[in-house]
């Protein structure tokens, strides 16, 4: 008889159903792991992003325990707790040679089978070799679910250029914005400013080290930033929301010679009219930052080990797997939900 398991499948935005599937079989170089916890990504509650992929078994921020080891695997044994990255590069192509791991053709071709929001999943040999990390006992399951999102923030802030002594504006204070606050503060930003439409998230950012926050439901963002910076603007702006409006606000708030990071993708076909004359003479850099590579996940793990970022900072809601649909609704709709994690028995 084939062993079965439960998995959470998204058929549409917030249409998440628990289904029964066969437990995956593994081959040489692969791992079978049992999920212990999995975070809910901002992209998983972004309507256009989910509708493009559905139906799909969700979950790419997992902590799991090895239950079976394929032939030839030497680094892992049964019982090892691991973080597993869902996409990995080949390390051998021109993109990898430049350190642009997410542009590697292998990147999008790799995945977890069927996904991290399942009781068991198969880790392909490429993922085992490239970006599966054993977790020390000092890192709990909830802490481990932050490795992938924190790695994306590590990459984002690295692409900003010089952070030490900079004035940093973070637009959007969901979990990724809050992680930017923590890391910008840790890496030496002179001033950290947060902005969001929800006051409760502004308060959270101040708790985590933001010097100043702007409730965009009460204040106009650009004028508030200019007042606070004496008309200079911010050296670095993280445009968090997946909208052209966020990018536009970032470009209007950035200082001369500054950098705007587009942190999330906008819907396919979205266009933004750019004032190239202004961009040129102000020497403003507009830089996208998508996902994270193996170098970033390792740095994120180290930051978590050192206590710079921990679950207690950002995890606000924890659900058991049978309540996974409610977990996704909470992540999408609850203003107080910064980071939502699903745990497995």
Foldseek 3Di string as FASTA:
>chain_A
DFAKWWFWWDQFQLRIDIDIDGQDDDEALKFKWFWFKFWDDPLSNDGLSDNVPPGAGDTFLTWTFTCDHHHPDDPDDGGFIKRFGFFAAPCPDPCNVVVNRCPHPRGVVGGWVRYNRIRMIMHDNRRSPFAIGTADPLADRLQSSCLFLLLLLVQQVVVFPDLAQWAEEEEDQFQSSLSNLLVSVVNHHPAYEYEDCDVLSQVLSVVNPHPYYYNVVVDPPQVVLCVVVVNFATQEYEQEDQDVVSVVSQVSRHGQLHEYEDEDHHRPPDDDDDPVVVCVVSVYHYHYRDTHHNVSSVVSSVCVSVVSDGSVSFQDEEEESVCVSVQSVCSNPPPNGRIYMYGYD
